[in-house]
Amino acid sequence: KARKTFVERTRSKQTRTFKVRWVFTVKVGEDGEIIEYKARLVTQGFRQRPGIDFTEVFAPTIRPEQLRLILAVAAMAKGATMRDPGSAKV
């Protein structure tokens, strides 16, 4: 089943193209066991021009610590109190 991640388009005469390449890596555990295979598509980003070739920056990942900090700040801004999750009764 195709994920439809990429959309193929025809290139107009005003647009620039960038060379891309696939970078493959293998994540290996401490004992040498292969955990997962990773692949990413990279381009020569230093040739891009802000406002012309791209209009926004996208970072696809966030660390759990960053998400927890953002949620904590948002909760405190609304007057919520912070509680230790370990002290919650089940």
N, C-alpha and C. Protein backbone atom coordinates (compact mmCIF):
# COMPACT_ATOMS: atom_id res chain seq x y z
N LYS A 1 0.85 -1.18 0.00
CA LYS A 1 0.00 0.00 0.00
C LYS A 1 0.89 1.24 0.00
N ALA A 2 0.66 2.12 -0.92
CA ALA A 2 1.46 3.34 -1.01
C ALA A 2 1.07 4.32 0.09
N ARG A 3 2.06 4.95 0.68
CA ARG A 3 1.79 5.92 1.76
C ARG A 3 1.47 7.30 1.21
N LYS A 4 1.70 7.51 -0.06
CA LYS A 4 1.44 8.79 -0.72
C LYS A 4 2.17 9.93 -0.02
N THR A 5 3.44 9.70 0.29
CA THR A 5 4.25 10.70 0.96
C THR A 5 4.71 11.78 -0.01
N PHE A 6 5.05 11.38 -1.21
CA PHE A 6 5.56 12.31 -2.20
C PHE A 6 4.53 12.51 -3.30
N VAL A 7 4.49 13.70 -3.84
CA VAL A 7 3.62 14.01 -4.97
C VAL A 7 4.51 14.40 -6.13
N GLU A 8 4.37 13.69 -7.24
CA GLU A 8 5.18 14.01 -8.41
C GLU A 8 4.52 15.14 -9.18
N ARG A 9 5.32 16.13 -9.54
CA ARG A 9 4.80 17.29 -10.26
C ARG A 9 5.70 17.59 -11.45
N THR A 10 5.14 18.29 -12.40
CA THR A 10 5.96 18.73 -13.53
C THR A 10 6.67 20.02 -13.13
N ARG A 11 7.88 20.18 -13.61
CA ARG A 11 8.69 21.34 -13.24
C ARG A 11 8.45 22.48 -14.22
N SER A 12 8.17 23.66 -13.66
CA SER A 12 8.02 24.84 -14.51
C SER A 12 9.39 25.45 -14.76
N LYS A 13 9.48 26.36 -15.68
CA LYS A 13 10.78 26.96 -16.03
C LYS A 13 11.32 27.88 -14.94
N GLN A 14 10.46 28.37 -14.04
CA GLN A 14 10.90 29.27 -12.97
C GLN A 14 11.45 28.51 -11.76
N THR A 15 11.16 27.24 -11.61
CA THR A 15 11.59 26.52 -10.43
C THR A 15 12.98 25.93 -10.61
N ARG A 16 13.67 25.81 -9.49
CA ARG A 16 15.00 25.19 -9.49
C ARG A 16 14.87 23.79 -8.92
N THR A 17 15.73 22.91 -9.37
CA THR A 17 15.74 21.56 -8.81
C THR A 17 16.99 21.38 -7.98
N PHE A 18 16.92 20.47 -7.02
CA PHE A 18 18.05 20.18 -6.15
C PHE A 18 18.40 18.71 -6.28
N LYS A 19 19.69 18.43 -6.24
CA LYS A 19 20.12 17.05 -6.24
C LYS A 19 19.80 16.45 -4.89
N VAL A 20 19.31 15.23 -4.91
CA VAL A 20 18.99 14.53 -3.67
C VAL A 20 19.68 13.18 -3.67
N ARG A 21 19.80 12.62 -2.49
CA ARG A 21 20.33 11.26 -2.37
C ARG A 21 19.75 10.62 -1.13
N TRP A 22 19.69 9.31 -1.15
CA TRP A 22 19.21 8.55 -0.02
C TRP A 22 20.39 8.19 0.87
N VAL A 23 20.21 8.35 2.17
CA VAL A 23 21.23 7.96 3.15
C VAL A 23 20.64 6.81 3.97
N PHE A 24 21.29 5.66 3.92
CA PHE A 24 20.82 4.48 4.64
C PHE A 24 21.72 4.22 5.85
N THR A 25 21.11 3.96 6.99
CA THR A 25 21.87 3.63 8.19
C THR A 25 21.24 2.40 8.85
N VAL A 26 22.05 1.70 9.60
CA VAL A 26 21.59 0.52 10.33
C VAL A 26 21.81 0.79 11.81
N LYS A 27 20.74 0.70 12.61
CA LYS A 27 20.85 0.91 14.04
C LYS A 27 21.17 -0.44 14.68
N VAL A 28 22.30 -0.47 15.41
CA VAL A 28 22.79 -1.72 15.99
C VAL A 28 22.77 -1.59 17.52
N GLY A 29 22.35 -2.65 18.20
CA GLY A 29 22.31 -2.67 19.66
C GLY A 29 23.68 -2.89 20.25
N GLU A 30 23.76 -2.90 21.57
CA GLU A 30 25.03 -3.07 22.27
C GLU A 30 25.68 -4.42 21.98
N ASP A 31 24.85 -5.44 21.76
CA ASP A 31 25.38 -6.77 21.50
C ASP A 31 25.64 -7.04 20.02
N GLY A 32 25.50 -6.03 19.19
CA GLY A 32 25.75 -6.17 17.76
C GLY A 32 24.53 -6.61 16.96
N GLU A 33 23.41 -6.76 17.63
CA GLU A 33 22.18 -7.17 16.96
C GLU A 33 21.58 -5.99 16.20
N ILE A 34 21.10 -6.22 15.00
CA ILE A 34 20.49 -5.16 14.20
C ILE A 34 19.11 -4.86 14.78
N ILE A 35 18.89 -3.60 15.16
CA ILE A 35 17.62 -3.19 15.75
C ILE A 35 16.66 -2.70 14.67
N GLU A 36 17.15 -1.82 13.79
CA GLU A 36 16.30 -1.32 12.72
C GLU A 36 17.14 -0.73 11.60
N TYR A 37 16.51 -0.62 10.46
CA TYR A 37 17.11 0.02 9.30
C TYR A 37 16.45 1.38 9.14
N LYS A 38 17.24 2.40 8.82
CA LYS A 38 16.70 3.74 8.65
C LYS A 38 17.12 4.27 7.29
N ALA A 39 16.27 5.10 6.71
CA ALA A 39 16.57 5.74 5.43
C ALA A 39 16.04 7.16 5.47
N ARG A 40 16.78 8.08 4.89
CA ARG A 40 16.31 9.46 4.80
C ARG A 40 16.76 10.06 3.49
N LEU A 41 15.98 10.96 2.98
CA LEU A 41 16.26 11.64 1.73
C LEU A 41 16.86 13.00 2.06
N VAL A 42 18.06 13.26 1.60
CA VAL A 42 18.73 14.53 1.90
C VAL A 42 18.97 15.31 0.62
N THR A 43 19.05 16.61 0.76
CA THR A 43 19.28 17.48 -0.38
C THR A 43 20.35 18.51 -0.04
N GLN A 44 20.77 19.24 -1.04
CA GLN A 44 21.76 20.29 -0.82
C GLN A 44 21.02 21.55 -0.38
N GLY A 45 20.72 21.63 0.90
CA GLY A 45 19.93 22.74 1.42
C GLY A 45 20.61 24.08 1.36
N PHE A 46 21.94 24.12 1.23
CA PHE A 46 22.64 25.40 1.21
C PHE A 46 22.35 26.18 -0.06
N ARG A 47 21.74 25.57 -1.04
CA ARG A 47 21.40 26.28 -2.28
C ARG A 47 20.00 26.87 -2.24
N GLN A 48 19.25 26.60 -1.19
CA GLN A 48 17.90 27.13 -1.09
C GLN A 48 17.94 28.60 -0.71
N ARG A 49 16.91 29.33 -1.16
CA ARG A 49 16.80 30.75 -0.86
C ARG A 49 15.52 30.98 -0.07
N PRO A 50 15.61 31.53 1.16
CA PRO A 50 14.41 31.77 1.97
C PRO A 50 13.40 32.65 1.24
N GLY A 51 12.13 32.27 1.33
CA GLY A 51 11.08 33.04 0.68
C GLY A 51 10.88 32.71 -0.78
N ILE A 52 11.85 32.03 -1.39
CA ILE A 52 11.74 31.68 -2.81
C ILE A 52 11.60 30.17 -2.95
N ASP A 53 12.58 29.43 -2.43
CA ASP A 53 12.56 27.98 -2.53
C ASP A 53 11.81 27.33 -1.38
N PHE A 54 11.69 28.01 -0.27
CA PHE A 54 10.93 27.49 0.86
C PHE A 54 10.41 28.66 1.68
N THR A 55 9.29 28.42 2.36
CA THR A 55 8.70 29.49 3.17
C THR A 55 8.67 29.17 4.65
N GLU A 56 8.88 27.91 5.00
CA GLU A 56 8.87 27.56 6.42
C GLU A 56 9.87 26.44 6.68
N VAL A 57 10.25 26.32 7.94
CA VAL A 57 11.20 25.29 8.35
C VAL A 57 10.40 24.23 9.11
N PHE A 58 10.69 22.97 8.86
CA PHE A 58 9.95 21.88 9.49
C PHE A 58 10.92 20.94 10.15
N ALA A 59 10.72 20.69 11.44
CA ALA A 59 11.50 19.70 12.17
C ALA A 59 10.56 18.56 12.54
N PRO A 60 10.74 17.39 11.95
CA PRO A 60 9.76 16.33 12.12
C PRO A 60 9.76 15.62 13.47
N THR A 61 10.73 15.89 14.34
CA THR A 61 10.78 15.17 15.60
C THR A 61 10.85 16.12 16.78
N ILE A 62 10.42 15.63 17.92
CA ILE A 62 10.53 16.37 19.18
C ILE A 62 10.92 15.36 20.24
N ARG A 63 11.83 15.75 21.10
CA ARG A 63 12.24 14.86 22.18
C ARG A 63 11.17 14.84 23.25
N PRO A 64 11.00 13.73 23.96
CA PRO A 64 9.98 13.66 25.01
C PRO A 64 10.16 14.73 26.08
N GLU A 65 11.41 15.08 26.39
CA GLU A 65 11.64 16.11 27.41
C GLU A 65 11.10 17.46 26.94
N GLN A 66 11.24 17.75 25.66
CA GLN A 66 10.74 19.03 25.13
C GLN A 66 9.22 19.07 25.20
N LEU A 67 8.58 17.98 24.84
CA LEU A 67 7.12 17.93 24.87
C LEU A 67 6.61 18.09 26.30
N ARG A 68 7.26 17.42 27.24
CA ARG A 68 6.85 17.53 28.65
C ARG A 68 7.01 18.96 29.15
N LEU A 69 8.10 19.63 28.78
CA LEU A 69 8.32 21.02 29.19
C LEU A 69 7.25 21.94 28.61
N ILE A 70 6.93 21.77 27.34
CA ILE A 70 5.92 22.61 26.70
C ILE A 70 4.56 22.42 27.37
N LEU A 71 4.20 21.16 27.63
CA LEU A 71 2.92 20.91 28.29
C LEU A 71 2.89 21.45 29.71
N ALA A 72 4.01 21.37 30.43
CA ALA A 72 4.07 21.89 31.80
C ALA A 72 3.92 23.41 31.81
N VAL A 73 4.60 24.09 30.90
CA VAL A 73 4.50 25.55 30.83
C VAL A 73 3.08 25.97 30.46
N ALA A 74 2.46 25.25 29.52
CA ALA A 74 1.09 25.57 29.13
C ALA A 74 0.12 25.34 30.28
N ALA A 75 0.32 24.27 31.02
CA ALA A 75 -0.56 23.98 32.16
C ALA A 75 -0.41 25.03 33.26
N MET A 76 0.82 25.45 33.54
CA MET A 76 1.04 26.46 34.58
C MET A 76 0.49 27.81 34.15
N ALA A 77 0.53 28.11 32.86
CA ALA A 77 -0.01 29.38 32.38
C ALA A 77 -1.52 29.45 32.58
N LYS A 78 -2.17 28.30 32.59
CA LYS A 78 -3.62 28.26 32.81
C LYS A 78 -3.97 28.08 34.27
N GLY A 79 -2.99 28.06 35.18
CA GLY A 79 -3.23 27.98 36.61
C GLY A 79 -3.31 26.56 37.15
N ALA A 80 -2.91 25.59 36.39
CA ALA A 80 -2.94 24.21 36.87
C ALA A 80 -1.76 23.97 37.79
N THR A 81 -1.92 23.03 38.71
CA THR A 81 -0.81 22.67 39.59
C THR A 81 -0.17 21.40 39.07
N MET A 82 1.12 21.28 39.29
CA MET A 82 1.86 20.11 38.82
C MET A 82 1.81 19.04 39.89
N ARG A 83 1.64 17.77 39.47
CA ARG A 83 1.56 16.65 40.39
C ARG A 83 2.53 15.58 39.92
N ASP A 84 3.17 14.94 40.85
CA ASP A 84 4.09 13.86 40.52
C ASP A 84 3.28 12.66 40.05
N PRO A 85 3.52 12.15 38.81
CA PRO A 85 2.73 11.02 38.33
C PRO A 85 2.93 9.77 39.18
N GLY A 86 4.05 9.65 39.88
CA GLY A 86 4.28 8.50 40.72
C GLY A 86 3.42 8.45 41.96
N SER A 87 2.88 9.60 42.36
CA SER A 87 2.07 9.64 43.58
C SER A 87 0.58 9.42 43.30
N ALA A 88 0.22 9.24 42.03
CA ALA A 88 -1.18 9.02 41.69
C ALA A 88 -1.65 7.65 42.18
N LYS A 89 -2.84 7.63 42.75
CA LYS A 89 -3.40 6.36 43.25
C LYS A 89 -4.16 5.69 42.14
N VAL A 90 -4.00 4.36 42.11
CA VAL A 90 -4.68 3.60 41.05
C VAL A 90 -5.92 2.96 41.61
